[in-house]
Amino acid sequence: MTTTTTTQVLVQEPDYVENLKAMAQHDILRVTLNGPTLFLTIIAMILAIQNLQPSLTCTLLALAPLPWIVYNDYVNFLNLGPGGTPSTFKGYLKITCLRLCALSDPYKPAEKLEDIRPTLGYHNRAQSWLPKRSGPRPKIAGIAPQRQLDQLGCAEMNRILRISLENFAIKHPDATEKGESCFEKKGLALFARNPINVTCRGEICHVHDSDRSMHLNLHPDDAKVVIEQGWGERHPLSRGGWMTAFVPREFTMIYAPRDRAELDVICQIIEAAGFWVCGERFKLAAESQPLMEIDAKAGVGDQCA
């Protein structure tokens, strides 16, 4: 008698994207007309010149490209992918209004307020803790979502970063926990259980699946060094005041890590973010294996011994 054994293999899909494509962003002033549309446009212009007042004709001609401009801009908004703002025309209108209040220079560090705690940043204003990032800054677009358009980083570094954040939450259950981003409404995030500075539900940082960049909250001293050394930039809405209804004044974007050396630097930046939100000093190590898997292998070794 022959016995046949069937083995069922369960494949778990990764919660990060392995291969990314650069997000397309079009020139909003670009207007492309096919043959019939171009013909009708010319006919409409001739009729307007013949039958309308010159001032009205000039006004109509000036406003004619507006629908194409809005359309191209809306497509750019959708191409950035999902984020904290719904990918709808209503969401687009909201972001368009917020652009009027956006920072004109995201590379200019925020001024330090007097009544903040901790008084000094994680590294006591030292510049030496962070090396200069090599190469030019990546291209950044959008407000909510705010995304990195090029230099999308390494998939393996993104995987290690996610595992490291999850392991960190397991190692420090009394101080931190992992969850879904409060700002983005999706994506892996690290939270402080007892935050000393106000963020969205105590969020320390979150990782973007679409471009492998991240947002986090930093002490102004640390944010200044991060920006000046080329590792990130301020969020367009991080003005403070009434704008804190959207993001904190200390909200900073960090560019995607391209190699292991950059990942180690970003782990240091996340440590600084944890210090700002938690008020405690932690060590974040880049780890390639989930903590539960490490423990399981250790258990097998003990049994064999």
Protein backbone atom coordinates (compact mmCIF):
# COMPACT_ATOMS: atom_id res chain seq x y z
CA MET A 1 0.00 0.00 0.00
CA THR A 2 1.38 3.40 -1.01
CA THR A 3 0.80 6.43 1.17
CA THR A 4 0.88 9.88 -0.39
CA THR A 5 1.65 12.86 1.80
CA THR A 6 0.66 16.34 0.67
CA THR A 7 2.51 19.28 2.10
CA GLN A 8 0.75 22.63 2.15
CA VAL A 9 3.01 25.63 1.74
CA LEU A 10 1.74 29.01 2.90
CA VAL A 11 3.32 31.98 1.22
CA GLN A 12 2.99 35.29 3.03
CA GLU A 13 3.13 38.35 0.83
CA PRO A 14 5.56 41.00 2.10
CA ASP A 15 4.01 44.22 3.38
CA TYR A 16 6.61 46.28 1.53
CA VAL A 17 7.02 46.85 -2.20
CA GLU A 18 9.98 45.03 -3.76
CA ASN A 19 10.30 46.95 -7.02
CA LEU A 20 9.27 50.58 -7.26
CA LYS A 21 8.84 52.83 -10.26
CA ALA A 22 9.48 56.55 -10.10
CA MET A 23 6.25 58.51 -9.65
CA ALA A 24 5.29 60.49 -12.74
CA GLN A 25 4.78 64.23 -12.35
CA HIS A 26 3.76 66.28 -15.38
CA ASP A 27 4.20 69.95 -16.14
CA ILE A 28 0.81 71.45 -15.25
CA LEU A 29 1.19 74.03 -18.04
CA ARG A 30 1.51 71.32 -20.67
CA VAL A 31 -1.51 71.30 -23.00
CA THR A 32 -1.69 68.56 -25.62
CA LEU A 33 -4.40 68.84 -28.30
CA ASN A 34 -5.18 66.19 -30.91
CA GLY A 35 -6.28 67.08 -34.45
CA PRO A 36 -10.07 67.45 -33.93
CA THR A 37 -9.64 69.31 -30.64
CA LEU A 38 -7.13 71.70 -32.17
CA PHE A 39 -9.48 72.38 -35.12
CA LEU A 40 -12.45 73.10 -32.82
CA THR A 41 -10.28 75.35 -30.66
CA ILE A 42 -9.25 77.44 -33.67
CA ILE A 43 -12.88 77.73 -34.85
CA ALA A 44 -13.97 78.82 -31.35
CA MET A 45 -11.25 81.47 -31.24
CA ILE A 46 -12.29 82.87 -34.64
CA LEU A 47 -15.97 83.04 -33.64
CA ALA A 48 -15.08 84.71 -30.33
CA ILE A 49 -12.98 87.36 -32.08
CA GLN A 50 -15.75 88.07 -34.61
CA ASN A 51 -18.73 88.16 -32.24
CA LEU A 52 -17.51 89.21 -28.78
CA GLN A 53 -16.04 92.34 -27.29
CA PRO A 54 -12.20 92.41 -27.41
CA SER A 55 -11.90 92.54 -23.62
CA LEU A 56 -14.19 89.53 -23.19
CA THR A 57 -12.36 87.66 -25.92
CA CYS A 58 -9.00 88.28 -24.22
CA THR A 59 -10.42 87.09 -20.90
CA LEU A 60 -11.76 83.88 -22.42
CA LEU A 61 -8.47 83.20 -24.19
CA ALA A 62 -6.55 83.74 -20.96
CA LEU A 63 -8.83 81.35 -19.07
CA ALA A 64 -8.96 78.72 -21.82
CA PRO A 65 -5.92 76.69 -20.56
CA LEU A 66 -7.30 76.59 -17.00
CA PRO A 67 -9.20 73.26 -17.35
CA TRP A 68 -6.05 71.56 -18.70
CA ILE A 69 -3.92 73.05 -15.91
CA VAL A 70 -6.34 71.79 -13.24
CA TYR A 71 -6.53 68.38 -14.90
CA ASN A 72 -2.73 67.97 -15.09
CA ASP A 73 -2.35 69.10 -11.50
CA TYR A 74 -5.05 66.68 -10.35
CA VAL A 75 -3.34 63.80 -12.18
CA ASN A 76 -0.08 64.71 -10.44
CA PHE A 77 -1.90 64.56 -7.10
CA LEU A 78 -3.28 61.10 -7.90
CA ASN A 79 0.11 59.85 -9.12
CA LEU A 80 1.58 60.46 -5.66
CA GLY A 81 -0.55 57.57 -4.42
CA PRO A 82 -2.59 57.18 -1.23
CA GLY A 83 -1.76 59.18 1.87
CA GLY A 84 -3.38 61.15 4.64
CA THR A 85 -5.65 62.95 2.17
CA PRO A 86 -8.26 60.94 0.19
CA SER A 87 -7.32 60.47 -3.47
CA THR A 88 -10.46 62.27 -4.64
CA PHE A 89 -11.18 65.61 -6.28
CA LYS A 90 -12.43 66.89 -2.93
CA GLY A 91 -9.12 65.89 -1.37
CA TYR A 92 -7.29 67.62 -4.22
CA LEU A 93 -9.21 70.86 -3.61
CA LYS A 94 -8.29 70.72 0.08
CA ILE A 95 -4.59 70.33 -0.72
CA THR A 96 -4.77 73.08 -3.33
CA CYS A 97 -6.06 75.48 -0.67
CA LEU A 98 -3.37 74.40 1.81
CA ARG A 99 -0.67 75.15 -0.77
CA LEU A 100 -1.32 78.83 -0.14
CA CYS A 101 0.06 78.34 3.39
CA ALA A 102 2.92 75.97 2.51
CA LEU A 103 6.52 76.77 3.42
CA SER A 104 8.40 78.57 0.69
CA ASP A 105 11.74 77.07 1.77
CA PRO A 106 11.61 73.56 3.30
CA TYR A 107 15.40 73.60 3.74
CA LYS A 108 15.34 76.45 6.24
CA PRO A 109 15.29 74.97 9.78
CA ALA A 110 12.53 76.10 12.13
CA GLU A 111 13.44 78.59 14.81
CA LYS A 112 13.77 77.04 18.24
CA LEU A 113 11.07 78.02 20.72
CA GLU A 114 11.97 78.95 24.29
CA ASP A 115 9.49 76.81 26.21
CA ILE A 116 10.28 73.37 24.80
CA ARG A 117 11.42 70.21 26.48
CA PRO A 118 13.87 68.60 26.29
CA THR A 119 15.76 71.88 26.15
CA LEU A 120 18.53 70.44 23.97
CA GLY A 121 18.34 67.93 21.16
CA TYR A 122 19.35 64.29 21.34
CA HIS A 123 22.95 65.12 20.46
CA ASN A 124 23.21 68.44 22.32
CA ARG A 125 23.47 70.53 19.15
CA ALA A 126 26.58 68.67 17.97
CA GLN A 127 27.04 68.61 14.19
CA SER A 128 29.45 65.68 14.21
CA TRP A 129 26.87 62.99 14.95
CA LEU A 130 25.53 63.09 11.40
CA PRO A 131 27.68 62.79 8.25
CA LYS A 132 26.93 64.67 5.05
CA ARG A 133 24.60 62.77 2.72
CA SER A 134 26.30 62.07 -0.60
CA GLY A 135 24.91 63.40 -3.86
CA PRO A 136 22.10 65.85 -4.56
CA ARG A 137 18.81 65.86 -2.71
CA PRO A 138 16.03 63.80 -4.30
CA LYS A 139 13.06 65.50 -5.94
CA ILE A 140 10.10 65.87 -3.57
CA ALA A 141 6.50 66.62 -4.51
CA GLY A 142 3.17 67.03 -2.78
CA ILE A 143 1.88 68.01 0.63
CA ALA A 144 -0.42 65.21 1.73
CA PRO A 145 0.86 62.92 0.49
CA GLN A 146 4.42 64.24 0.33
CA ARG A 147 6.55 61.82 -1.66
CA GLN A 148 10.06 61.27 -3.02
CA LEU A 149 10.10 61.10 -6.83
CA ASP A 150 13.59 59.69 -7.48
CA GLN A 151 16.47 58.00 -5.62
CA LEU A 152 13.84 55.60 -4.28
CA GLY A 153 16.30 53.64 -2.21
CA CYS A 154 16.98 49.95 -1.76
CA ALA A 155 14.20 47.41 -1.23
CA GLU A 156 16.39 45.36 1.12
CA MET A 157 17.18 48.40 3.27
CA ASN A 158 13.46 49.18 3.44
CA ARG A 159 12.77 45.62 4.57
CA ILE A 160 15.46 45.81 7.27
CA LEU A 161 14.17 49.18 8.45
CA ARG A 162 10.66 47.83 8.89
CA ILE A 163 11.91 44.77 10.77
CA SER A 164 14.09 46.98 12.97
CA LEU A 165 11.13 49.18 13.94
CA GLU A 166 8.98 46.15 14.71
CA ASN A 167 11.75 44.59 16.79
CA PHE A 168 12.26 47.88 18.61
CA ALA A 169 8.60 47.96 19.64
CA ILE A 170 8.90 44.38 20.94
CA LYS A 171 12.04 45.20 22.94
CA HIS A 172 10.50 48.33 24.53
CA PRO A 173 6.84 47.42 25.11
CA ASP A 174 6.43 49.79 28.06
CA ALA A 175 7.58 52.84 26.09
CA THR A 176 6.65 52.15 22.46
CA GLU A 177 4.30 50.22 20.23
CA LYS A 178 3.91 49.67 16.51
CA GLY A 179 0.74 50.37 14.56
CA GLU A 180 -0.80 52.04 11.54
CA SER A 181 0.29 55.62 10.95
CA CYS A 182 -2.02 58.22 12.46
CA PHE A 183 -0.88 60.84 9.95
CA GLU A 184 -1.02 58.68 6.81
CA LYS A 185 -3.94 56.45 7.87
CA LYS A 186 -1.85 53.54 6.54
CA GLY A 187 1.67 52.15 6.69
CA LEU A 188 3.93 50.99 9.52
CA ALA A 189 4.46 53.50 12.33
CA LEU A 190 6.16 53.60 15.73
CA PHE A 191 4.31 55.24 18.63
CA ALA A 192 5.25 56.43 22.11
CA ARG A 193 2.94 55.13 24.85
CA ASN A 194 3.54 58.18 27.04
CA PRO A 195 4.60 61.05 24.75
CA ILE A 196 5.98 64.23 26.30
CA ASN A 197 5.49 66.21 23.07
CA VAL A 198 2.24 66.30 21.14
CA THR A 199 2.07 64.39 17.86
CA CYS A 200 -0.75 62.40 16.29
CA ARG A 201 -1.44 59.81 19.04
CA GLY A 202 2.22 59.95 20.02
CA GLU A 203 3.54 58.91 16.62
CA ILE A 204 7.34 58.93 16.43
CA CYS A 205 7.77 57.98 12.78
CA HIS A 206 6.15 56.19 9.86
CA VAL A 207 7.50 54.57 6.69
CA HIS A 208 6.05 55.11 3.20
CA ASP A 209 5.61 51.91 1.18
CA SER A 210 5.34 53.80 -2.11
CA ASP A 211 8.75 55.52 -2.11
CA ARG A 212 10.56 54.14 1.00
CA SER A 213 10.94 57.58 2.53
CA MET A 214 9.58 58.39 5.98
CA HIS A 215 8.22 61.14 8.19
CA LEU A 216 9.17 61.67 11.81
CA ASN A 217 9.10 64.29 14.57
CA LEU A 218 12.41 65.80 15.69
CA HIS A 219 13.69 68.26 18.26
CA PRO A 220 14.49 71.55 16.43
CA ASP A 221 18.20 71.11 17.24
CA ASP A 222 18.27 67.67 15.62
CA ALA A 223 16.05 68.70 12.70
CA LYS A 224 18.46 71.54 11.93
CA VAL A 225 21.39 69.12 11.62
CA VAL A 226 19.35 66.64 9.56
CA ILE A 227 18.32 69.33 7.08
CA GLU A 228 21.75 70.96 6.84
CA GLN A 229 23.47 67.61 6.29
CA GLY A 230 21.08 66.75 3.46
CA TRP A 231 19.13 63.84 4.99
CA GLY A 232 15.71 65.42 4.89
CA GLU A 233 13.56 68.52 4.79
CA ARG A 234 10.66 70.12 6.60
CA HIS A 235 7.10 69.20 5.72
CA PRO A 236 5.41 72.01 3.73
CA LEU A 237 2.76 72.49 6.44
CA SER A 238 5.12 72.48 9.45
CA ARG A 239 4.69 76.19 10.16
CA GLY A 240 3.33 75.78 13.66
CA GLY A 241 0.43 77.81 15.04
CA TRP A 242 -2.94 76.83 13.62
CA MET A 243 -1.17 74.60 11.07
CA THR A 244 -0.49 72.09 13.86
CA ALA A 245 -4.04 70.90 13.18
CA PHE A 246 -2.46 69.09 10.22
CA VAL A 247 1.13 68.27 11.25
CA PRO A 248 3.39 69.26 14.17
CA ARG A 249 5.90 72.05 13.76
CA GLU A 250 8.69 69.46 14.11
CA PHE A 251 7.37 67.19 11.32
CA THR A 252 10.28 66.26 9.03
CA MET A 253 10.67 64.14 5.90
CA ILE A 254 13.63 61.74 5.72
CA TYR A 255 14.85 60.49 2.36
CA ALA A 256 14.89 56.77 1.52
CA PRO A 257 18.07 54.86 2.48
CA ARG A 258 20.09 53.73 -0.55
CA ASP A 259 22.53 51.40 1.22
CA ARG A 260 23.42 49.96 4.62
CA ALA A 261 25.54 52.95 5.62
CA GLU A 262 22.61 55.30 5.01
CA LEU A 263 20.27 52.97 6.89
CA ASP A 264 22.55 53.12 9.94
CA VAL A 265 22.41 56.91 9.79
CA ILE A 266 18.62 56.88 9.55
CA CYS A 267 18.46 54.62 12.61
CA GLN A 268 20.34 57.36 14.49
CA ILE A 269 17.82 59.92 13.28
CA ILE A 270 14.95 57.72 14.49
CA GLU A 271 16.66 57.48 17.88
CA ALA A 272 16.60 61.28 18.00
CA ALA A 273 12.91 61.26 17.06
CA GLY A 274 12.18 58.83 19.88
CA PHE A 275 13.98 61.13 22.30
CA TRP A 276 11.85 64.12 21.21
CA VAL A 277 8.53 62.29 21.52
CA CYS A 278 9.28 59.94 24.45
CA GLY A 279 11.85 61.94 26.40
CA GLU A 280 13.99 58.79 26.71
CA ARG A 281 17.18 57.63 25.03
CA PHE A 282 16.98 54.39 23.06
CA LYS A 283 19.32 52.49 20.77
CA LEU A 284 17.87 51.37 17.43
CA ALA A 285 19.91 48.69 15.68
CA ALA A 286 19.40 47.71 12.05
CA GLU A 287 18.26 44.07 12.23
CA SER A 288 17.49 41.82 9.27
CA GLN A 289 15.51 39.14 11.13
CA PRO A 290 12.25 39.54 13.03
CA LEU A 291 12.74 39.17 16.76
CA MET A 292 10.36 36.22 17.02
CA GLU A 293 12.33 34.38 14.34
CA ILE A 294 15.59 35.02 16.18
CA ASP A 295 14.07 33.70 19.41
CA ALA A 296 12.75 30.60 17.63
CA LYS A 297 16.18 29.76 16.22
CA ALA A 298 17.74 30.28 19.63
CA GLY A 299 15.20 27.89 21.12
CA VAL A 300 16.06 25.15 18.60
CA GLY A 301 19.74 25.53 19.39
CA ASP A 302 19.09 25.16 23.13
CA GLN A 303 17.12 21.94 22.57
CA CYS A 304 19.85 20.42 20.41
CA ALA A 305 22.48 21.26 22.99
